[in-house]
């Protein structure tokens, strides 16, 4: 068993990767929309940096940086939208990919989530 196989045993979460692709609407007008390019990819989500909450009367900003660990053979591009399903609680997070660091055993993708809790 090599390092890649050992790391893959720690991937309990799953991800679906979406990338902007040209599509045509009903009026034959081209536009870019997110289309799925990878589904049910085993991965591990790790929070990198937590920021202080920014509470207002109407919402609470959710901002943190995270890293996604996954197989190096899965092509991830900066700007990809990644929906990650967390195995521990079966909840999903919508994240956006930064530039991946690809190694022979795994890749590490910086992610950003910037949403509000209502």
N, C-alpha and C. Protein backbone atom coordinates (compact mmCIF):
# COMPACT_ATOMS: atom_id res chain seq x y z
N UNK A 1 0.86 -1.18 0.00
CA UNK A 1 0.00 0.00 0.00
C UNK A 1 0.90 1.24 0.00
N UNK A 2 0.64 2.16 -0.93
CA UNK A 2 1.46 3.37 -1.01
C UNK A 2 0.79 4.53 -0.27
N UNK A 3 1.47 5.66 -0.26
CA UNK A 3 0.98 6.84 0.48
C UNK A 3 -0.37 7.32 -0.06
N UNK A 4 -0.54 7.29 -1.37
CA UNK A 4 -1.80 7.72 -1.99
C UNK A 4 -2.97 6.86 -1.48
N UNK A 5 -2.77 5.55 -1.41
CA UNK A 5 -3.81 4.64 -0.93
C UNK A 5 -4.12 4.87 0.54
N UNK A 6 -3.09 5.13 1.32
CA UNK A 6 -3.28 5.37 2.76
C UNK A 6 -4.08 6.66 2.98
N UNK A 7 -3.72 7.72 2.25
CA UNK A 7 -4.46 8.98 2.40
C UNK A 7 -5.91 8.84 1.94
N UNK A 8 -6.13 8.06 0.91
CA UNK A 8 -7.50 7.89 0.40
C UNK A 8 -8.42 7.28 1.44
N UNK A 9 -7.87 6.52 2.38
CA UNK A 9 -8.69 5.92 3.44
C UNK A 9 -9.21 6.97 4.43
N UNK A 10 -8.68 8.20 4.36
CA UNK A 10 -9.14 9.28 5.25
C UNK A 10 -10.18 10.17 4.59
N UNK A 11 -10.56 9.86 3.34
CA UNK A 11 -11.52 10.68 2.61
C UNK A 11 -12.94 10.18 2.88
N UNK A 12 -13.58 10.71 3.91
CA UNK A 12 -14.93 10.29 4.28
C UNK A 12 -16.00 11.18 3.66
N UNK A 13 -15.66 12.42 3.29
CA UNK A 13 -16.61 13.34 2.69
C UNK A 13 -16.68 13.07 1.18
N UNK A 14 -17.67 13.67 0.52
CA UNK A 14 -17.77 13.56 -0.94
C UNK A 14 -17.99 14.94 -1.53
N UNK A 15 -17.56 15.10 -2.80
CA UNK A 15 -17.68 16.38 -3.47
C UNK A 15 -18.24 16.22 -4.87
N UNK A 16 -19.00 17.22 -5.28
CA UNK A 16 -19.41 17.35 -6.67
C UNK A 16 -18.82 18.67 -7.15
N UNK A 17 -18.09 18.59 -8.27
CA UNK A 17 -17.37 19.75 -8.79
C UNK A 17 -18.12 20.29 -10.01
N UNK A 18 -18.35 21.60 -10.00
CA UNK A 18 -19.02 22.29 -11.10
C UNK A 18 -18.04 23.29 -11.71
N UNK A 19 -18.08 23.41 -13.03
CA UNK A 19 -17.21 24.35 -13.74
C UNK A 19 -18.05 25.15 -14.72
N UNK A 20 -17.72 26.43 -14.90
CA UNK A 20 -18.46 27.25 -15.85
C UNK A 20 -18.18 26.76 -17.27
N UNK A 21 -19.28 26.45 -17.97
CA UNK A 21 -19.22 25.94 -19.33
C UNK A 21 -20.18 26.76 -20.18
N UNK A 22 -19.85 26.95 -21.48
CA UNK A 22 -20.81 27.65 -22.35
C UNK A 22 -22.04 26.79 -22.60
N UNK A 23 -23.20 27.39 -22.44
CA UNK A 23 -24.47 26.72 -22.72
C UNK A 23 -25.37 27.68 -23.48
N UNK A 24 -26.38 27.14 -24.13
CA UNK A 24 -27.33 27.97 -24.85
C UNK A 24 -28.69 27.85 -24.18
N UNK A 25 -29.37 28.99 -24.06
CA UNK A 25 -30.71 28.95 -23.48
C UNK A 25 -31.74 28.68 -24.58
N UNK A 26 -33.02 28.76 -24.24
CA UNK A 26 -34.09 28.46 -25.20
C UNK A 26 -34.09 29.39 -26.41
N UNK A 27 -33.51 30.59 -26.25
CA UNK A 27 -33.45 31.56 -27.35
C UNK A 27 -32.13 31.48 -28.11
N UNK A 28 -31.38 30.39 -27.90
CA UNK A 28 -30.06 30.18 -28.54
C UNK A 28 -29.05 31.26 -28.20
N UNK A 29 -29.16 31.80 -27.00
CA UNK A 29 -28.19 32.79 -26.52
C UNK A 29 -27.17 32.06 -25.66
N UNK A 30 -25.89 32.22 -25.98
CA UNK A 30 -24.83 31.56 -25.22
C UNK A 30 -24.55 32.30 -23.93
N UNK A 31 -24.34 31.52 -22.88
CA UNK A 31 -23.93 32.09 -21.59
C UNK A 31 -23.15 31.03 -20.83
N UNK A 32 -22.43 31.47 -19.83
CA UNK A 32 -21.67 30.54 -19.00
C UNK A 32 -22.49 30.15 -17.78
N UNK A 33 -22.62 28.86 -17.57
CA UNK A 33 -23.33 28.35 -16.40
C UNK A 33 -22.50 27.23 -15.78
N UNK A 34 -22.67 27.02 -14.48
CA UNK A 34 -21.97 25.94 -13.81
C UNK A 34 -22.57 24.60 -14.22
N UNK A 35 -21.71 23.70 -14.70
CA UNK A 35 -22.11 22.35 -15.09
C UNK A 35 -21.28 21.35 -14.31
N UNK A 36 -21.85 20.21 -13.91
CA UNK A 36 -21.07 19.22 -13.15
C UNK A 36 -19.99 18.59 -14.03
N UNK A 37 -18.77 18.47 -13.47
CA UNK A 37 -17.67 17.82 -14.18
C UNK A 37 -17.16 16.60 -13.42
N UNK A 38 -17.38 16.52 -12.11
CA UNK A 38 -17.02 15.36 -11.29
C UNK A 38 -18.11 15.18 -10.24
N UNK A 39 -18.51 13.93 -10.01
CA UNK A 39 -19.54 13.64 -9.01
C UNK A 39 -19.06 12.60 -8.01
N UNK A 40 -19.54 12.73 -6.78
CA UNK A 40 -19.25 11.76 -5.71
C UNK A 40 -17.76 11.46 -5.56
N UNK A 41 -16.96 12.51 -5.56
CA UNK A 41 -15.52 12.36 -5.40
C UNK A 41 -15.19 12.25 -3.92
N UNK A 42 -14.55 11.15 -3.48
CA UNK A 42 -14.14 11.06 -2.09
C UNK A 42 -13.12 12.15 -1.75
N UNK A 43 -13.28 12.77 -0.59
CA UNK A 43 -12.42 13.89 -0.22
C UNK A 43 -12.44 14.07 1.30
N UNK A 44 -11.63 15.00 1.76
CA UNK A 44 -11.62 15.38 3.18
C UNK A 44 -11.60 16.90 3.26
N UNK A 45 -12.57 17.47 3.95
CA UNK A 45 -12.64 18.92 4.14
C UNK A 45 -11.99 19.27 5.46
N UNK A 46 -11.10 20.25 5.42
CA UNK A 46 -10.40 20.69 6.64
C UNK A 46 -10.47 22.21 6.72
N UNK A 47 -10.95 22.74 7.84
CA UNK A 47 -10.99 24.19 8.03
C UNK A 47 -9.59 24.69 8.32
N UNK A 48 -9.21 25.76 7.64
CA UNK A 48 -7.86 26.30 7.78
C UNK A 48 -7.85 27.50 8.72
N UNK A 49 -8.68 28.48 8.42
CA UNK A 49 -8.67 29.72 9.18
C UNK A 49 -10.09 30.11 9.55
N UNK A 50 -10.34 30.33 10.80
CA UNK A 50 -11.64 30.82 11.24
C UNK A 50 -11.54 32.31 11.50
N UNK A 51 -12.55 33.04 11.06
CA UNK A 51 -12.58 34.48 11.31
C UNK A 51 -13.65 34.77 12.35
N UNK A 52 -13.51 35.87 13.02
CA UNK A 52 -14.51 36.27 14.01
C UNK A 52 -15.84 36.51 13.31
N UNK A 53 -16.93 36.20 13.99
CA UNK A 53 -18.24 36.41 13.39
C UNK A 53 -18.52 37.90 13.29
N UNK A 54 -19.33 38.23 12.33
CA UNK A 54 -19.72 39.62 12.10
C UNK A 54 -21.24 39.67 12.19
N UNK A 55 -21.74 39.67 13.40
CA UNK A 55 -23.17 39.60 13.68
C UNK A 55 -23.83 40.95 13.39
N UNK A 56 -24.98 40.87 12.71
CA UNK A 56 -25.82 42.05 12.53
C UNK A 56 -27.21 41.68 13.03
N UNK A 57 -28.13 42.63 12.98
CA UNK A 57 -29.49 42.34 13.44
C UNK A 57 -30.20 41.35 12.53
N UNK A 58 -29.80 41.29 11.25
CA UNK A 58 -30.51 40.44 10.31
C UNK A 58 -29.76 39.17 9.92
N UNK A 59 -28.44 39.15 10.07
CA UNK A 59 -27.70 37.96 9.66
C UNK A 59 -26.37 37.85 10.39
N UNK A 60 -25.77 36.70 10.25
CA UNK A 60 -24.46 36.44 10.81
C UNK A 60 -23.57 35.99 9.67
N UNK A 61 -22.55 36.77 9.32
CA UNK A 61 -21.66 36.41 8.23
C UNK A 61 -20.87 35.16 8.59
N UNK A 62 -20.77 34.24 7.64
CA UNK A 62 -19.98 33.03 7.81
C UNK A 62 -18.79 33.13 6.87
N UNK A 63 -17.60 33.31 7.42
CA UNK A 63 -16.41 33.43 6.59
C UNK A 63 -15.29 32.59 7.19
N UNK A 64 -14.75 31.71 6.39
CA UNK A 64 -13.57 30.96 6.79
C UNK A 64 -12.91 30.38 5.56
N UNK A 65 -11.65 30.07 5.70
CA UNK A 65 -10.93 29.40 4.64
C UNK A 65 -10.79 27.94 5.00
N UNK A 66 -10.82 27.10 4.01
CA UNK A 66 -10.71 25.67 4.25
C UNK A 66 -9.86 25.07 3.14
N UNK A 67 -9.43 23.84 3.36
CA UNK A 67 -8.69 23.09 2.34
C UNK A 67 -9.43 21.80 2.07
N UNK A 68 -9.40 21.40 0.82
CA UNK A 68 -9.99 20.13 0.41
C UNK A 68 -8.85 19.21 -0.01
N UNK A 69 -8.84 18.01 0.54
CA UNK A 69 -7.84 17.01 0.20
C UNK A 69 -8.53 15.93 -0.63
N UNK A 70 -7.92 15.58 -1.77
CA UNK A 70 -8.51 14.57 -2.63
C UNK A 70 -7.46 13.97 -3.55
N UNK A 71 -7.87 13.00 -4.35
CA UNK A 71 -6.99 12.29 -5.27
C UNK A 71 -6.37 13.26 -6.27
N UNK A 72 -5.08 13.10 -6.60
CA UNK A 72 -4.43 14.03 -7.52
C UNK A 72 -4.92 13.90 -8.96
N UNK A 73 -5.64 12.82 -9.28
CA UNK A 73 -6.12 12.62 -10.64
C UNK A 73 -7.39 13.38 -10.99
N UNK A 74 -8.00 14.01 -10.01
CA UNK A 74 -9.24 14.78 -10.24
C UNK A 74 -8.85 16.20 -10.60
N UNK A 75 -9.21 16.64 -11.81
CA UNK A 75 -8.84 17.99 -12.26
C UNK A 75 -9.74 19.02 -11.59
N UNK A 76 -9.12 19.88 -10.80
CA UNK A 76 -9.80 21.01 -10.17
C UNK A 76 -9.16 22.28 -10.71
N UNK A 77 -9.98 23.24 -11.11
CA UNK A 77 -9.48 24.51 -11.63
C UNK A 77 -9.90 25.64 -10.70
N UNK A 78 -9.07 26.69 -10.60
CA UNK A 78 -9.47 27.83 -9.78
C UNK A 78 -10.82 28.37 -10.26
N UNK A 79 -11.69 28.67 -9.31
CA UNK A 79 -13.02 29.17 -9.63
C UNK A 79 -14.09 28.11 -9.71
N UNK A 80 -13.69 26.83 -9.70
CA UNK A 80 -14.69 25.77 -9.69
C UNK A 80 -15.56 25.89 -8.44
N UNK A 81 -16.84 25.62 -8.61
CA UNK A 81 -17.76 25.57 -7.47
C UNK A 81 -17.81 24.11 -7.02
N UNK A 82 -17.59 23.89 -5.73
CA UNK A 82 -17.54 22.54 -5.21
C UNK A 82 -18.57 22.42 -4.08
N UNK A 83 -19.47 21.48 -4.23
CA UNK A 83 -20.44 21.21 -3.17
C UNK A 83 -19.94 19.98 -2.43
N UNK A 84 -19.62 20.16 -1.16
CA UNK A 84 -19.03 19.11 -0.34
C UNK A 84 -20.08 18.63 0.65
N UNK A 85 -20.28 17.32 0.68
CA UNK A 85 -21.18 16.71 1.65
C UNK A 85 -20.31 16.14 2.77
N UNK A 86 -20.53 16.64 3.96
CA UNK A 86 -19.73 16.26 5.13
C UNK A 86 -20.31 14.97 5.71
N UNK A 87 -19.48 13.95 5.81
CA UNK A 87 -19.94 12.63 6.26
C UNK A 87 -20.45 12.64 7.69
N UNK A 88 -19.84 13.43 8.55
CA UNK A 88 -20.18 13.41 9.98
C UNK A 88 -21.63 13.82 10.25
N UNK A 89 -22.17 14.76 9.46
CA UNK A 89 -23.53 15.23 9.72
C UNK A 89 -24.40 15.27 8.47
N UNK A 90 -23.86 14.82 7.34
CA UNK A 90 -24.57 14.77 6.06
C UNK A 90 -25.05 16.15 5.60
N UNK A 91 -24.38 17.20 6.03
CA UNK A 91 -24.69 18.55 5.57
C UNK A 91 -23.79 18.91 4.39
N UNK A 92 -24.26 19.83 3.57
CA UNK A 92 -23.49 20.25 2.40
C UNK A 92 -23.00 21.67 2.56
N UNK A 93 -21.85 21.95 1.98
CA UNK A 93 -21.27 23.29 1.96
C UNK A 93 -20.94 23.64 0.52
N UNK A 94 -21.23 24.87 0.14
CA UNK A 94 -20.85 25.35 -1.18
C UNK A 94 -19.57 26.15 -1.03
N UNK A 95 -18.53 25.72 -1.76
CA UNK A 95 -17.22 26.36 -1.68
C UNK A 95 -16.74 26.69 -3.09
N UNK A 96 -15.74 27.57 -3.16
CA UNK A 96 -15.13 27.93 -4.43
C UNK A 96 -13.63 27.65 -4.35
N UNK A 97 -13.10 27.02 -5.39
CA UNK A 97 -11.72 26.55 -5.38
C UNK A 97 -10.73 27.66 -5.73
N UNK A 98 -9.60 27.62 -5.02
CA UNK A 98 -8.45 28.42 -5.39
C UNK A 98 -7.54 27.55 -6.25
N UNK A 99 -6.27 27.91 -6.33
CA UNK A 99 -5.33 27.14 -7.14
C UNK A 99 -4.87 25.90 -6.38
N UNK A 100 -5.08 24.71 -6.95
CA UNK A 100 -4.71 23.47 -6.26
C UNK A 100 -3.20 23.27 -6.20
N UNK A 101 -2.75 22.61 -5.16
CA UNK A 101 -1.37 22.13 -5.06
C UNK A 101 -1.44 20.63 -5.24
N UNK A 102 -0.85 20.13 -6.33
CA UNK A 102 -0.96 18.72 -6.67
C UNK A 102 0.34 18.01 -6.35
N UNK A 103 0.23 16.94 -5.58
CA UNK A 103 1.36 16.09 -5.21
C UNK A 103 1.11 14.70 -5.78
N UNK A 104 2.08 13.83 -5.72
CA UNK A 104 1.90 12.48 -6.25
C UNK A 104 0.90 11.67 -5.43
N UNK A 105 0.77 11.99 -4.15
CA UNK A 105 -0.10 11.23 -3.27
C UNK A 105 -1.49 11.85 -3.07
N UNK A 106 -1.63 13.15 -3.31
CA UNK A 106 -2.90 13.83 -3.06
C UNK A 106 -2.83 15.23 -3.66
N UNK A 107 -3.92 15.93 -3.60
CA UNK A 107 -3.90 17.36 -3.90
C UNK A 107 -4.61 18.10 -2.79
N UNK A 108 -4.18 19.34 -2.61
CA UNK A 108 -4.73 20.21 -1.59
C UNK A 108 -5.27 21.44 -2.29
N UNK A 109 -6.57 21.67 -2.14
CA UNK A 109 -7.23 22.78 -2.82
C UNK A 109 -7.70 23.79 -1.78
N UNK A 110 -7.18 25.02 -1.83
CA UNK A 110 -7.72 26.03 -0.92
C UNK A 110 -9.14 26.40 -1.34
N UNK A 111 -10.00 26.53 -0.37
CA UNK A 111 -11.41 26.84 -0.62
C UNK A 111 -11.82 28.09 0.12
N UNK A 112 -12.87 28.70 -0.38
CA UNK A 112 -13.41 29.85 0.34
C UNK A 112 -14.92 29.71 0.40
N UNK A 113 -15.45 29.91 1.57
CA UNK A 113 -16.89 29.96 1.78
C UNK A 113 -17.19 31.35 2.30
N UNK A 114 -18.14 31.99 1.67
CA UNK A 114 -18.53 33.32 2.11
C UNK A 114 -20.05 33.39 2.00
N UNK A 115 -20.71 32.96 3.03
CA UNK A 115 -22.16 32.95 3.04
C UNK A 115 -22.67 33.59 4.31
N UNK A 116 -23.96 33.75 4.38
CA UNK A 116 -24.58 34.34 5.55
C UNK A 116 -25.56 33.35 6.17
N UNK A 117 -25.62 33.35 7.47
CA UNK A 117 -26.63 32.56 8.17
C UNK A 117 -27.79 33.48 8.47
N UNK A 118 -28.96 33.11 8.06
CA UNK A 118 -30.15 33.97 8.25
C UNK A 118 -30.96 33.54 9.43
